[in-house]
C-alpha cells in the first residue's frame, strides 16, 4: 500500500463495475441524485470521501454545491433584529461574524432591512 491509497479493505466496486443496472456505482449515483450526501454514501459503501466523489464525477454526475452548516440561532437573535438592532450589533453581542449572523437571520426567514439609516 502506498501513501496515496484510500485505505485497506476499502470497497472499490463502484468505480469498476460499470453502468450495469443495480451495480454499486449505479446505486451510488441514484442515491446521490435522490439527495444523499457524499459523506453518507462514502460511509454506506465503505469508501473514502475522495473515492465516492471521484466515482460520482466519473459517472458524469454534476455535484451539488456544499451546504454551509449554520449554528442554531442564538436565543433572542431574531427578536432583537426585528426590534431594531443591526446585524453588526448582533454579531458583536453573540460573538459571531457579520456574514454568519446575516446568514442565520436569512435562514430563519427574516426579511432584512435596507442598508444604512433612513
C-alpha atoms as a PDB file:
ATOM      1  CA  UNK A   1       0.000   0.000   0.000  1.00  0.00           C
ATOM      2  CA  UNK A   2       1.263   3.494  -0.799  1.00  0.00           C
ATOM      3  CA  UNK A   3       0.581   6.808   0.875  1.00  0.00           C
ATOM      4  CA  UNK A   4      -1.879   7.670  -1.923  1.00  0.00           C
ATOM      5  CA  UNK A   5      -4.100   4.627  -1.323  1.00  0.00           C
ATOM      6  CA  UNK A   6      -7.543   5.342   0.091  1.00  0.00           C
ATOM      7  CA  UNK A   7      -7.266   2.648   2.732  1.00  0.00           C
ATOM      8  CA  UNK A   8      -7.012  -1.075   3.289  1.00  0.00           C
ATOM      9  CA  UNK A   9     -10.073  -3.190   2.715  1.00  0.00           C
ATOM     10  CA  UNK A  10     -11.935  -0.354   1.053  1.00  0.00           C
ATOM     11  CA  UNK A  11     -14.707  -1.329  -1.337  1.00  0.00           C
ATOM     12  CA  UNK A  12     -13.716  -0.307  -4.870  1.00  0.00           C
ATOM     13  CA  UNK A  13     -16.701  -1.724  -6.731  1.00  0.00           C
ATOM     14  CA  UNK A  14     -18.467   1.437  -7.856  1.00  0.00           C
ATOM     15  CA  UNK A  15     -15.555   2.621  -9.992  1.00  0.00           C
ATOM     16  CA  UNK A  16     -15.021  -0.819 -11.546  1.00  0.00           C
ATOM     17  CA  UNK A  17     -18.496  -2.244 -12.040  1.00  0.00           C
ATOM     18  CA  UNK A  18     -19.544  -0.048 -14.930  1.00  0.00           C
ATOM     19  CA  UNK A  19     -23.111   1.056 -15.504  1.00  0.00           C
ATOM     20  CA  UNK A  20     -24.995  -2.228 -15.058  1.00  0.00           C
ATOM     21  CA  UNK A  21     -28.428  -1.620 -13.547  1.00  0.00           C
ATOM     22  CA  UNK A  22     -28.232  -2.430  -9.858  1.00  0.00           C
ATOM     23  CA  UNK A  23     -24.451  -2.134  -9.746  1.00  0.00           C
ATOM     24  CA  UNK A  24     -22.917  -0.399  -6.733  1.00  0.00           C
ATOM     25  CA  UNK A  25     -21.872   2.503  -8.963  1.00  0.00           C
ATOM     26  CA  UNK A  26     -25.418   2.991 -10.230  1.00  0.00           C
ATOM     27  CA  UNK A  27     -26.744   2.714  -6.678  1.00  0.00           C
ATOM     28  CA  UNK A  28     -24.249   5.371  -5.563  1.00  0.00           C
ATOM     29  CA  UNK A  29     -25.358   7.684  -8.385  1.00  0.00           C
ATOM     30  CA  UNK A  30     -29.062   7.039  -7.742  1.00  0.00           C
ATOM     31  CA  UNK A  31     -28.784   7.744  -4.024  1.00  0.00           C
ATOM     32  CA  UNK A  32     -26.750  10.909  -4.594  1.00  0.00           C
ATOM     33  CA  UNK A  33     -29.302  12.161  -7.125  1.00  0.00           C
ATOM     34  CA  UNK A  34     -32.040  11.478  -4.563  1.00  0.00           C
ATOM     35  CA  UNK A  35     -30.321  13.844  -2.110  1.00  0.00           C
ATOM     36  CA  UNK A  36     -27.850  11.719  -0.118  1.00  0.00           C
ATOM     37  CA  UNK A  37     -24.603  13.437   0.799  1.00  0.00           C
ATOM     38  CA  UNK A  38     -21.215  12.217  -0.361  1.00  0.00           C
ATOM     39  CA  UNK A  39     -20.229  11.749   3.296  1.00  0.00           C
ATOM     40  CA  UNK A  40     -23.178   9.422   3.940  1.00  0.00           C
ATOM     41  CA  UNK A  41     -22.597   7.493   0.713  1.00  0.00           C
ATOM     42  CA  UNK A  42     -18.905   7.037   1.466  1.00  0.00           C
ATOM     43  CA  UNK A  43     -19.744   5.579   4.863  1.00  0.00           C
ATOM     44  CA  UNK A  44     -22.533   3.378   3.472  1.00  0.00           C
ATOM     45  CA  UNK A  45     -20.356   1.926   0.679  1.00  0.00           C
ATOM     46  CA  UNK A  46     -17.162   1.709   2.736  1.00  0.00           C
ATOM     47  CA  UNK A  47     -15.375   4.304   0.618  1.00  0.00           C
ATOM     48  CA  UNK A  48     -13.294   7.311   1.420  1.00  0.00           C
ATOM     49  CA  UNK A  49     -14.946  10.658   0.719  1.00  0.00           C
ATOM     50  CA  UNK A  50     -12.477  11.179  -2.124  1.00  0.00           C
ATOM     51  CA  UNK A  51     -13.250   7.795  -3.740  1.00  0.00           C
ATOM     52  CA  UNK A  52     -17.024   8.350  -3.539  1.00  0.00           C
ATOM     53  CA  UNK A  53     -16.671  11.824  -5.043  1.00  0.00           C
ATOM     54  CA  UNK A  54     -14.375  10.602  -7.814  1.00  0.00           C
ATOM     55  CA  UNK A  55     -16.783   7.774  -8.635  1.00  0.00           C
ATOM     56  CA  UNK A  56     -19.693  10.198  -8.936  1.00  0.00           C
ATOM     57  CA  UNK A  57     -17.682  12.522 -11.167  1.00  0.00           C
ATOM     58  CA  UNK A  58     -16.557   9.599 -13.364  1.00  0.00           C
ATOM     59  CA  UNK A  59     -20.226   8.635 -13.757  1.00  0.00           C
ATOM     60  CA  UNK A  60     -20.956  12.127 -15.110  1.00  0.00           C
ATOM     61  CA  UNK A  61     -22.842  13.373 -12.060  1.00  0.00           C
ATOM     62  CA  UNK A  62     -22.953  17.139 -11.537  1.00  0.00           C
ATOM     63  CA  UNK A  63     -22.169  17.647  -7.868  1.00  0.00           C
ATOM     64  CA  UNK A  64     -24.289  19.927  -5.712  1.00  0.00           C
ATOM     65  CA  UNK A  65     -22.530  22.873  -4.089  1.00  0.00           C
ATOM     66  CA  UNK A  66     -21.572  22.176  -0.481  1.00  0.00           C
ATOM     67  CA  UNK A  67     -24.101  23.398   2.024  1.00  0.00           C
ATOM     68  CA  UNK A  68     -22.988  25.848   4.652  1.00  0.00           C
ATOM     69  CA  UNK A  69     -23.908  24.491   8.024  1.00  0.00           C
ATOM     70  CA  UNK A  70     -25.072  27.180  10.368  1.00  0.00           C
ATOM     71  CA  UNK A  71     -25.240  27.002  14.118  1.00  0.00           C
ATOM     72  CA  UNK A  72     -28.702  27.319  15.624  1.00  0.00           C
ATOM     73  CA  UNK A  73     -29.930  30.874  16.035  1.00  0.00           C
ATOM     74  CA  UNK A  74     -28.947  32.188  19.452  1.00  0.00           C
ATOM     75  CA  UNK A  75     -31.978  32.872  21.660  1.00  0.00           C
ATOM     76  CA  UNK A  76     -33.368  36.340  21.051  1.00  0.00           C
ATOM     77  CA  UNK A  77     -31.361  36.997  17.868  1.00  0.00           C
ATOM     78  CA  UNK A  78     -34.353  37.279  15.547  1.00  0.00           C
ATOM     79  CA  UNK A  79     -36.433  39.301  18.009  1.00  0.00           C
ATOM     80  CA  UNK A  80     -33.533  41.681  18.658  1.00  0.00           C
ATOM     81  CA  UNK A  81     -33.111  42.271  14.909  1.00  0.00           C
ATOM     82  CA  UNK A  82     -36.843  42.813  14.451  1.00  0.00           C
ATOM     83  CA  UNK A  83     -36.772  45.252  17.393  1.00  0.00           C
ATOM     84  CA  UNK A  84     -34.202  47.402  15.585  1.00  0.00           C
ATOM     85  CA  UNK A  85     -30.725  46.088  16.401  1.00  0.00           C
ATOM     86  CA  UNK A  86     -28.312  45.999  13.470  1.00  0.00           C
ATOM     87  CA  UNK A  87     -26.658  42.866  12.148  1.00  0.00           C
ATOM     88  CA  UNK A  88     -23.286  44.274  13.237  1.00  0.00           C
ATOM     89  CA  UNK A  89     -24.539  44.849  16.778  1.00  0.00           C
ATOM     90  CA  UNK A  90     -25.963  41.339  16.964  1.00  0.00           C
ATOM     91  CA  UNK A  91     -22.769  39.816  15.588  1.00  0.00           C
ATOM     92  CA  UNK A  92     -20.750  41.549  18.300  1.00  0.00           C
ATOM     93  CA  UNK A  93     -23.197  40.629  21.075  1.00  0.00           C
ATOM     94  CA  UNK A  94     -23.261  36.949  20.087  1.00  0.00           C
ATOM     95  CA  UNK A  95     -19.569  36.630  19.159  1.00  0.00           C
ATOM     96  CA  UNK A  96     -20.183  35.829  15.511  1.00  0.00           C
ATOM     97  CA  UNK A  97     -19.113  37.358  12.225  1.00  0.00           C
ATOM     98  CA  UNK A  98     -21.365  39.752  10.339  1.00  0.00           C
ATOM     99  CA  UNK A  99     -21.806  37.240   7.497  1.00  0.00           C
ATOM    100  CA  UNK A 100     -22.658  34.349   9.796  1.00  0.00           C
ATOM    101  CA  UNK A 101     -25.207  36.468  11.668  1.00  0.00           C
ATOM    102  CA  UNK A 102     -26.752  37.614   8.398  1.00  0.00           C
ATOM    103  CA  UNK A 103     -26.975  34.028   7.062  1.00  0.00           C
ATOM    104  CA  UNK A 104     -28.645  32.857  10.286  1.00  0.00           C
ATOM    105  CA  UNK A 105     -31.228  35.635  10.061  1.00  0.00           C
ATOM    106  CA  UNK A 106     -31.959  34.752   6.437  1.00  0.00           C
ATOM    107  CA  UNK A 107     -32.194  31.038   7.291  1.00  0.00           C
ATOM    108  CA  UNK A 108     -34.731  31.936   9.987  1.00  0.00           C
ATOM    109  CA  UNK A 109     -36.862  33.645   7.329  1.00  0.00           C
ATOM    110  CA  UNK A 110     -36.213  37.226   8.401  1.00  0.00           C
ATOM    111  CA  UNK A 111     -36.673  39.903   5.717  1.00  0.00           C
ATOM    112  CA  UNK A 112     -33.661  42.151   6.119  1.00  0.00           C
ATOM    113  CA  UNK A 113     -33.979  45.918   6.292  1.00  0.00           C
ATOM    114  CA  UNK A 114     -32.287  48.044   3.622  1.00  0.00           C
ATOM    115  CA  UNK A 115     -28.696  49.005   4.378  1.00  0.00           C
ATOM    116  CA  UNK A 116     -27.934  52.314   6.034  1.00  0.00           C
ATOM    117  CA  UNK A 117     -30.103  54.636   8.058  1.00  0.00           C
ATOM    118  CA  UNK A 118     -33.207  56.298   6.719  1.00  0.00           C
END
